[in-house]
Amino acid sequence: MVRVERSIKIASTQRDVFGYVADYNNVPAFMHNVTRFEPIGEKHYGLGARFYWETVVKGLRLGWQLVVTEFSPFQWMAAEAITAPRSSSNWRFRSSDGGTLATFATAVELPRGLLLGHWLVERDIASSMERSLLNLRRVLESAPPPARPIPL
């Protein structure tokens, strides 16, 4: 299993950063290489929400479904893949020096044939994660977040 975690400080409130990340409409705008992220079914926010996620990795278009397994407004959220490849991810948010420290972590189970390329996959995931966090900071620091209500 490959595990990667990265953090970034964002000059925005914890509420605004969480609200932006938790809104599925924003995911393709900041997540590097994500081409689709859309709800499956009626629930599209919070615990139990399900999504279809599509991304491009090394020129290959990959898609899978995930479900939100943990959700604490303004603090953290976690999701697990319900289709292959097996993976989990989580976001944590905490106030830090007038801004927010956003931490994104993921764990991905690799197919047996990729075990020798473990460090290459880890490097690619880390690079994509770092780009996503920089995109998130750029978006949130360049303009006020959308005035979209945050359902609780």
C-alpha atoms as a PDB file:
ATOM      1  CA  MET A   1       0.000   0.000   0.000  1.00  0.00           C
ATOM      2  CA  VAL A   2       1.247   3.481  -0.890  1.00  0.00           C
ATOM      3  CA  ARG A   3       0.574   6.198   1.705  1.00  0.00           C
ATOM      4  CA  VAL A   4       1.118   9.896   1.103  1.00  0.00           C
ATOM      5  CA  GLU A   5       0.264  12.922   3.246  1.00  0.00           C
ATOM      6  CA  ARG A   6       0.836  16.615   2.578  1.00  0.00           C
ATOM      7  CA  SER A   7      -0.236  19.862   4.262  1.00  0.00           C
ATOM      8  CA  ILE A   8      -0.487  23.486   3.216  1.00  0.00           C
ATOM      9  CA  LYS A   9      -1.240  26.722   5.027  1.00  0.00           C
ATOM     10  CA  ILE A  10      -4.027  28.779   3.429  1.00  0.00           C
ATOM     11  CA  ALA A  11      -4.798  32.394   4.299  1.00  0.00           C
ATOM     12  CA  SER A  12      -8.525  31.728   4.686  1.00  0.00           C
ATOM     13  CA  THR A  13     -10.813  30.664   7.507  1.00  0.00           C
ATOM     14  CA  GLN A  14     -11.169  27.021   8.462  1.00  0.00           C
ATOM     15  CA  ARG A  15     -14.880  27.269   7.663  1.00  0.00           C
ATOM     16  CA  ASP A  16     -14.232  28.600   4.147  1.00  0.00           C
ATOM     17  CA  VAL A  17     -11.496  26.069   3.333  1.00  0.00           C
ATOM     18  CA  PHE A  18     -13.595  23.154   4.576  1.00  0.00           C
ATOM     19  CA  GLY A  19     -16.671  24.454   2.772  1.00  0.00           C
ATOM     20  CA  TYR A  20     -14.817  24.765  -0.512  1.00  0.00           C
ATOM     21  CA  VAL A  21     -13.238  21.293  -0.329  1.00  0.00           C
ATOM     22  CA  ALA A  22     -16.481  19.632   0.841  1.00  0.00           C
ATOM     23  CA  ASP A  23     -18.440  21.003  -2.135  1.00  0.00           C
ATOM     24  CA  TYR A  24     -18.119  18.348  -4.846  1.00  0.00           C
ATOM     25  CA  ASN A  25     -18.601  20.999  -7.562  1.00  0.00           C
ATOM     26  CA  ASN A  26     -15.176  22.437  -6.700  1.00  0.00           C
ATOM     27  CA  VAL A  27     -13.151  19.220  -6.822  1.00  0.00           C
ATOM     28  CA  PRO A  28     -12.199  19.376 -10.553  1.00  0.00           C
ATOM     29  CA  ALA A  29     -11.187  23.033 -10.097  1.00  0.00           C
ATOM     30  CA  PHE A  30      -8.404  22.265  -7.634  1.00  0.00           C
ATOM     31  CA  MET A  31      -7.640  18.518  -7.695  1.00  0.00           C
ATOM     32  CA  HIS A  32      -4.853  17.890 -10.182  1.00  0.00           C
ATOM     33  CA  ASN A  33      -5.800  15.541 -13.059  1.00  0.00           C
ATOM     34  CA  VAL A  34      -9.400  15.065 -11.862  1.00  0.00           C
ATOM     35  CA  THR A  35     -11.690  15.276 -14.897  1.00  0.00           C
ATOM     36  CA  ARG A  36     -15.006  14.281 -13.266  1.00  0.00           C
ATOM     37  CA  PHE A  37     -16.322  14.241  -9.733  1.00  0.00           C
ATOM     38  CA  GLU A  38     -20.050  13.842  -9.446  1.00  0.00           C
ATOM     39  CA  PRO A  39     -22.569  12.477  -6.955  1.00  0.00           C
ATOM     40  CA  ILE A  40     -24.162   9.073  -7.302  1.00  0.00           C
ATOM     41  CA  GLY A  41     -27.716   9.331  -6.050  1.00  0.00           C
ATOM     42  CA  GLU A  42     -29.479  12.100  -4.176  1.00  0.00           C
ATOM     43  CA  LYS A  43     -27.028  12.624  -1.308  1.00  0.00           C
ATOM     44  CA  HIS A  44     -24.078  14.803  -2.297  1.00  0.00           C
ATOM     45  CA  TYR A  45     -22.769  16.158   1.006  1.00  0.00           C
ATOM     46  CA  GLY A  46     -21.654  14.613   4.265  1.00  0.00           C
ATOM     47  CA  LEU A  47     -21.548  11.142   5.725  1.00  0.00           C
ATOM     48  CA  GLY A  48     -22.728   8.458   3.308  1.00  0.00           C
ATOM     49  CA  ALA A  49     -22.520  10.621   0.176  1.00  0.00           C
ATOM     50  CA  ARG A  50     -21.287   8.635  -2.847  1.00  0.00           C
ATOM     51  CA  PHE A  51     -19.338   9.951  -5.801  1.00  0.00           C
ATOM     52  CA  TYR A  52     -17.905   8.880  -9.128  1.00  0.00           C
ATOM     53  CA  TRP A  53     -14.351  10.158  -9.535  1.00  0.00           C
ATOM     54  CA  GLU A  54     -12.447  10.131 -12.814  1.00  0.00           C
ATOM     55  CA  THR A  55      -8.805  11.072 -13.213  1.00  0.00           C
ATOM     56  CA  VAL A  56      -6.011  10.822 -15.753  1.00  0.00           C
ATOM     57  CA  VAL A  57      -2.838   9.041 -14.618  1.00  0.00           C
ATOM     58  CA  LYS A  58       0.071   8.587 -17.016  1.00  0.00           C
ATOM     59  CA  GLY A  59      -2.289   9.203 -19.914  1.00  0.00           C
ATOM     60  CA  LEU A  60      -4.783   6.587 -18.717  1.00  0.00           C
ATOM     61  CA  ARG A  61      -8.309   7.599 -17.763  1.00  0.00           C
ATOM     62  CA  LEU A  62      -9.292   5.846 -14.527  1.00  0.00           C
ATOM     63  CA  GLY A  63     -12.579   6.000 -12.692  1.00  0.00           C
ATOM     64  CA  TRP A  64     -13.942   4.636  -9.471  1.00  0.00           C
ATOM     65  CA  GLN A  65     -16.634   5.171  -6.886  1.00  0.00           C
ATOM     66  CA  LEU A  66     -16.147   6.360  -3.346  1.00  0.00           C
ATOM     67  CA  VAL A  67     -18.248   6.890  -0.247  1.00  0.00           C
ATOM     68  CA  VAL A  68     -17.776   9.459   2.520  1.00  0.00           C
ATOM     69  CA  THR A  69     -17.085   7.420   5.668  1.00  0.00           C
ATOM     70  CA  GLU A  70     -16.322  10.193   8.186  1.00  0.00           C
ATOM     71  CA  PHE A  71     -17.533  13.760   8.249  1.00  0.00           C
ATOM     72  CA  SER A  72     -17.109  16.377  10.970  1.00  0.00           C
ATOM     73  CA  PRO A  73     -17.994  19.842   9.602  1.00  0.00           C
ATOM     74  CA  PHE A  74     -15.059  22.248   9.465  1.00  0.00           C
ATOM     75  CA  GLN A  75     -12.639  19.669  10.955  1.00  0.00           C
ATOM     76  CA  TRP A  76     -12.255  16.534   8.844  1.00  0.00           C
ATOM     77  CA  MET A  77     -13.742  14.202   6.279  1.00  0.00           C
ATOM     78  CA  ALA A  78     -12.719  10.815   4.957  1.00  0.00           C
ATOM     79  CA  ALA A  79     -13.717   8.608   2.037  1.00  0.00           C
ATOM     80  CA  GLU A  80     -13.065   5.069   0.849  1.00  0.00           C
ATOM     81  CA  ALA A  81     -13.192   3.589  -2.628  1.00  0.00           C
ATOM     82  CA  ILE A  82     -16.037   1.137  -3.128  1.00  0.00           C
ATOM     83  CA  THR A  83     -14.628  -0.026  -6.462  1.00  0.00           C
ATOM     84  CA  ALA A  84     -11.067  -1.027  -7.385  1.00  0.00           C
ATOM     85  CA  PRO A  85      -8.396   0.125  -6.836  1.00  0.00           C
ATOM     86  CA  ARG A  86      -8.801  -0.053  -3.054  1.00  0.00           C
ATOM     87  CA  SER A  87      -7.988   3.325  -1.548  1.00  0.00           C
ATOM     88  CA  SER A  88      -8.879   5.728   1.219  1.00  0.00           C
ATOM     89  CA  SER A  89      -8.335   9.430   1.699  1.00  0.00           C
ATOM     90  CA  ASN A  90      -8.961  12.069   4.303  1.00  0.00           C
ATOM     91  CA  TRP A  91      -8.831  15.812   4.780  1.00  0.00           C
ATOM     92  CA  ARG A  92      -8.107  17.535   8.099  1.00  0.00           C
ATOM     93  CA  PHE A  93      -8.468  21.261   8.771  1.00  0.00           C
ATOM     94  CA  ARG A  94      -7.264  23.304  11.715  1.00  0.00           C
ATOM     95  CA  SER A  95      -6.795  26.985  12.438  1.00  0.00           C
ATOM     96  CA  SER A  96      -3.192  28.090  12.234  1.00  0.00           C
ATOM     97  CA  ASP A  97      -1.778  31.617  12.683  1.00  0.00           C
ATOM     98  CA  GLY A  98      -4.811  33.423  11.280  1.00  0.00           C
ATOM     99  CA  GLY A  99      -5.329  30.936   8.457  1.00  0.00           C
ATOM    100  CA  THR A 100      -5.991  27.247   8.014  1.00  0.00           C
ATOM    101  CA  LEU A 101      -3.678  24.270   7.833  1.00  0.00           C
ATOM    102  CA  ALA A 102      -5.232  21.830   5.347  1.00  0.00           C
ATOM    103  CA  THR A 103      -3.861  18.282   5.353  1.00  0.00           C
ATOM    104  CA  PHE A 104      -4.682  15.735   2.677  1.00  0.00           C
ATOM    105  CA  ALA A 105      -3.718  12.066   3.065  1.00  0.00           C
ATOM    106  CA  THR A 106      -4.327   9.051   0.872  1.00  0.00           C
ATOM    107  CA  ALA A 107      -3.535   5.355   0.852  1.00  0.00           C
ATOM    108  CA  VAL A 108      -3.764   3.301  -2.337  1.00  0.00           C
ATOM    109  CA  GLU A 109      -3.425  -0.447  -2.698  1.00  0.00           C
ATOM    110  CA  LEU A 110      -1.315  -1.251  -5.733  1.00  0.00           C
ATOM    111  CA  PRO A 111      -1.946  -4.145  -8.100  1.00  0.00           C
ATOM    112  CA  ARG A 112       0.663  -6.887  -7.649  1.00  0.00           C
ATOM    113  CA  GLY A 113       2.357  -6.029 -10.937  1.00  0.00           C
ATOM    114  CA  LEU A 114       3.148  -2.516  -9.721  1.00  0.00           C
ATOM    115  CA  LEU A 115       4.882  -3.491  -6.494  1.00  0.00           C
ATOM    116  CA  LEU A 116       8.313  -2.951  -8.046  1.00  0.00           C
ATOM    117  CA  GLY A 117       7.251   0.544  -9.123  1.00  0.00           C
ATOM    118  CA  HIS A 118       6.080   1.424  -5.607  1.00  0.00           C
ATOM    119  CA  TRP A 119       8.374   4.455  -5.250  1.00  0.00           C
ATOM    120  CA  LEU A 120       7.405   5.743  -8.717  1.00  0.00           C
ATOM    121  CA  VAL A 121       3.707   5.561  -7.875  1.00  0.00           C
ATOM    122  CA  GLU A 122       4.322   7.198  -4.500  1.00  0.00           C
ATOM    123  CA  ARG A 123       6.263  10.003  -6.202  1.00  0.00           C
ATOM    124  CA  ASP A 124       3.464  10.569  -8.740  1.00  0.00           C
ATOM    125  CA  ILE A 125       0.765  10.613  -6.053  1.00  0.00           C
ATOM    126  CA  ALA A 126       2.817  13.031  -3.926  1.00  0.00           C
ATOM    127  CA  SER A 127       3.404  15.339  -6.896  1.00  0.00           C
ATOM    128  CA  SER A 128      -0.290  15.352  -7.819  1.00  0.00           C
ATOM    129  CA  MET A 129      -1.265  15.943  -4.188  1.00  0.00           C
ATOM    130  CA  GLU A 130       1.161  18.876  -3.874  1.00  0.00           C
ATOM    131  CA  ARG A 131      -0.183  20.441  -7.072  1.00  0.00           C
ATOM    132  CA  SER A 132      -3.744  19.994  -5.808  1.00  0.00           C
ATOM    133  CA  LEU A 133      -2.932  21.722  -2.511  1.00  0.00           C
ATOM    134  CA  LEU A 134      -1.222  24.601  -4.310  1.00  0.00           C
ATOM    135  CA  ASN A 135      -4.274  24.916  -6.585  1.00  0.00           C
ATOM    136  CA  LEU A 136      -6.525  24.979  -3.520  1.00  0.00           C
ATOM    137  CA  ARG A 137      -4.479  27.752  -1.910  1.00  0.00           C
ATOM    138  CA  ARG A 138      -4.375  29.746  -5.161  1.00  0.00           C
ATOM    139  CA  VAL A 139      -8.150  29.538  -5.603  1.00  0.00           C
ATOM    140  CA  LEU A 140      -8.994  30.419  -2.003  1.00  0.00           C
ATOM    141  CA  GLU A 141      -6.450  33.211  -1.641  1.00  0.00           C
ATOM    142  CA  SER A 142      -7.148  34.860  -4.994  1.00  0.00           C
ATOM    143  CA  ALA A 143     -10.851  35.524  -4.473  1.00  0.00           C
ATOM    144  CA  PRO A 144     -13.425  35.084  -1.775  1.00  0.00           C
ATOM    145  CA  PRO A 145     -14.982  31.617  -1.743  1.00  0.00           C
ATOM    146  CA  PRO A 146     -18.337  31.249  -3.471  1.00  0.00           C
ATOM    147  CA  ALA A 147     -21.290  32.340  -1.389  1.00  0.00           C
ATOM    148  CA  ARG A 148     -22.729  28.848  -1.296  1.00  0.00           C
ATOM    149  CA  PRO A 149     -24.467  27.811   1.939  1.00  0.00           C
ATOM    150  CA  ILE A 150     -22.822  24.980   3.814  1.00  0.00           C
ATOM    151  CA  PRO A 151     -25.454  22.393   4.770  1.00  0.00           C
ATOM    152  CA  LEU A 152     -25.021  20.814   8.170  1.00  0.00           C
END
